[in-house]
Protein backbone atom coordinates (compact mmCIF):
# COMPACT_ATOMS: atom_id res chain seq x y z
CA UNK A 1 148.66 200.80 248.25
CA UNK A 2 149.87 202.44 245.23
CA UNK A 3 148.34 206.16 245.10
CA UNK A 4 148.47 208.89 242.83
CA UNK A 5 147.39 212.49 243.52
CA UNK A 6 146.78 215.67 241.13
CA UNK A 7 147.26 219.24 241.74
CA UNK A 8 147.94 222.43 240.46
CA UNK A 9 145.64 225.25 239.32
CA UNK A 10 141.75 224.73 238.01
CA UNK A 11 141.70 227.78 235.97
CA UNK A 12 144.40 228.78 233.11
CA UNK A 13 144.53 231.62 230.90
CA UNK A 14 144.75 231.41 226.84
CA UNK A 15 147.88 231.52 225.50
CA UNK A 16 149.59 230.50 229.47
CA UNK A 17 151.59 226.97 230.27
CA UNK A 18 149.20 224.55 231.92
CA UNK A 19 151.57 222.53 235.03
CA UNK A 20 150.25 219.90 236.75
CA UNK A 21 152.19 217.67 239.47
CA UNK A 22 152.15 214.60 240.58
CA UNK A 23 152.27 213.27 243.88
CA UNK A 24 153.49 209.23 244.13
CA UNK A 25 153.18 207.06 247.13
CA UNK A 26 153.46 203.60 247.72
CA UNK A 27 155.72 203.02 245.05
CA UNK A 28 159.14 204.27 242.94
CA UNK A 29 159.16 206.17 240.61
CA UNK A 30 162.49 205.07 239.99
CA UNK A 31 162.08 201.52 240.30
CA UNK A 32 159.22 199.82 238.43
CA UNK A 33 159.21 199.25 234.95
CA UNK A 34 156.00 200.89 234.24
CA UNK A 35 154.86 204.39 233.00
CA UNK A 36 154.10 207.21 234.69
CA UNK A 37 151.43 208.88 232.79
CA UNK A 38 149.33 211.78 231.87
CA UNK A 39 146.09 211.34 230.29
CA UNK A 40 143.50 214.05 229.64
CA UNK A 41 139.58 213.54 228.52
CA UNK A 42 137.94 216.88 227.32
CA UNK A 43 134.11 217.14 228.12
CA UNK A 44 132.34 214.62 225.59
CA UNK A 45 135.11 213.43 223.93
CA UNK A 46 137.05 209.82 224.82
CA UNK A 47 140.25 209.89 227.45
CA UNK A 48 143.77 210.96 225.19
CA UNK A 49 146.79 209.39 226.18
CA UNK A 50 149.70 212.70 226.75
CA UNK A 51 152.66 210.80 227.24
CA UNK A 52 155.01 208.97 230.01
CA UNK A 53 158.29 208.98 231.74
CA UNK A 54 159.80 206.05 232.83
CA UNK A 55 161.65 204.60 235.69
CA UNK A 56 165.09 205.72 234.04
CA UNK A 57 163.85 209.20 233.33
CA UNK A 58 163.12 208.74 229.65
CA UNK A 59 159.89 210.35 228.03
CA UNK A 60 158.07 209.32 225.40
CA UNK A 61 154.92 211.64 224.33
CA UNK A 62 151.78 210.07 222.54
CA UNK A 63 152.45 210.09 218.29
CA UNK A 64 148.55 210.68 217.82
CA UNK A 65 148.43 214.37 218.13
CA UNK A 66 151.52 216.02 216.91
CA UNK A 67 150.21 219.97 217.73
CA UNK A 68 150.34 218.17 221.21
CA UNK A 69 153.16 216.78 221.40
CA UNK A 70 154.69 219.70 220.66
CA UNK A 71 153.65 221.19 223.64
CA UNK A 72 153.92 219.08 226.06
CA UNK A 73 156.87 218.44 228.33
CA UNK A 74 157.13 216.11 231.09
CA UNK A 75 159.48 215.82 233.96
CA UNK A 76 160.07 214.08 237.73
CA UNK A 77 161.38 214.94 240.81
CA UNK A 78 162.99 211.71 242.26
CA UNK A 79 163.31 213.44 245.95
CA UNK A 80 159.61 214.35 246.18
CA UNK A 81 159.10 211.37 244.38
CA UNK A 82 156.87 212.82 242.27
CA UNK A 83 156.31 214.02 238.06
CA UNK A 84 154.74 217.13 235.98
CA UNK A 85 153.12 217.74 233.10
CA UNK A 86 153.15 221.05 231.37
CA UNK A 87 151.18 222.01 228.41
CA UNK A 88 152.08 225.78 226.66
CA UNK A 89 150.17 227.91 224.33
CA UNK A 90 147.09 226.46 225.74
CA UNK A 91 143.73 226.83 224.10
CA UNK A 92 139.90 226.41 225.48
CA UNK A 93 140.61 222.95 223.52
CA UNK A 94 142.93 221.78 226.05
CA UNK A 95 140.10 222.24 229.36
CA UNK A 96 139.86 219.20 230.09
CA UNK A 97 140.26 216.65 233.25
CA UNK A 98 143.80 215.92 233.58
CA UNK A 99 144.78 212.06 234.95
CA UNK A 100 147.99 211.07 235.85
CA UNK A 101 148.64 207.12 236.08
CA UNK A 102 150.93 204.39 236.23
CA UNK A 103 150.84 202.30 233.30
CA UNK A 104 151.60 198.94 232.93
CA UNK A 105 151.28 199.09 228.92
CA UNK A 106 152.36 202.54 227.10
CA UNK A 107 149.36 204.61 226.13
CA UNK A 108 147.01 202.61 227.59
CA UNK A 109 143.49 204.34 227.95
CA UNK A 110 141.37 201.93 229.49
CA UNK A 111 141.69 201.20 233.22
CA UNK A 112 143.88 197.69 233.08
CA UNK A 113 144.74 195.10 236.36
CA UNK A 114 147.94 196.54 237.75
CA UNK A 115 147.25 200.27 236.77
CA UNK A 116 146.57 202.94 238.75
CA UNK A 117 144.75 206.36 238.43
CA UNK A 118 144.70 209.30 240.24
CA UNK A 119 140.80 210.82 241.01
CA UNK A 120 141.69 213.27 237.89
CA UNK A 121 142.11 217.32 238.35
CA UNK A 122 139.68 219.57 235.81
CA UNK A 123 142.05 222.03 234.04
CA UNK A 124 139.39 225.47 232.88
CA UNK A 125 141.70 227.39 229.81
CA UNK A 126 139.53 230.78 229.86
CA UNK A 127 140.10 234.19 229.86
């Protein structure tokens, strides 16, 4: 069974860089034609797709939020079968529950059959 687990600091100060890691088990991040993705949900708001990394290591970011795209970096460590999210220059608006997911379709924020999501981790941006 595919499992994903997010980890990282729960509190980040404004202007700093948010860094999260997603550990994957039950599948390899280098062998399936899926999108290893990051998604977030700010309090009281809808899910927002951030970006993804593919089996070949290509990164694709959401085109719908240019300000988010310019601050985002997604990378991976194939030896540990994990991928990471870095979001720079954070503000309180970046406070959200952050999810990593294995998606069959790019950009999906609705949970479909065959997709796998982590449980999510709350990151608060506050001084």
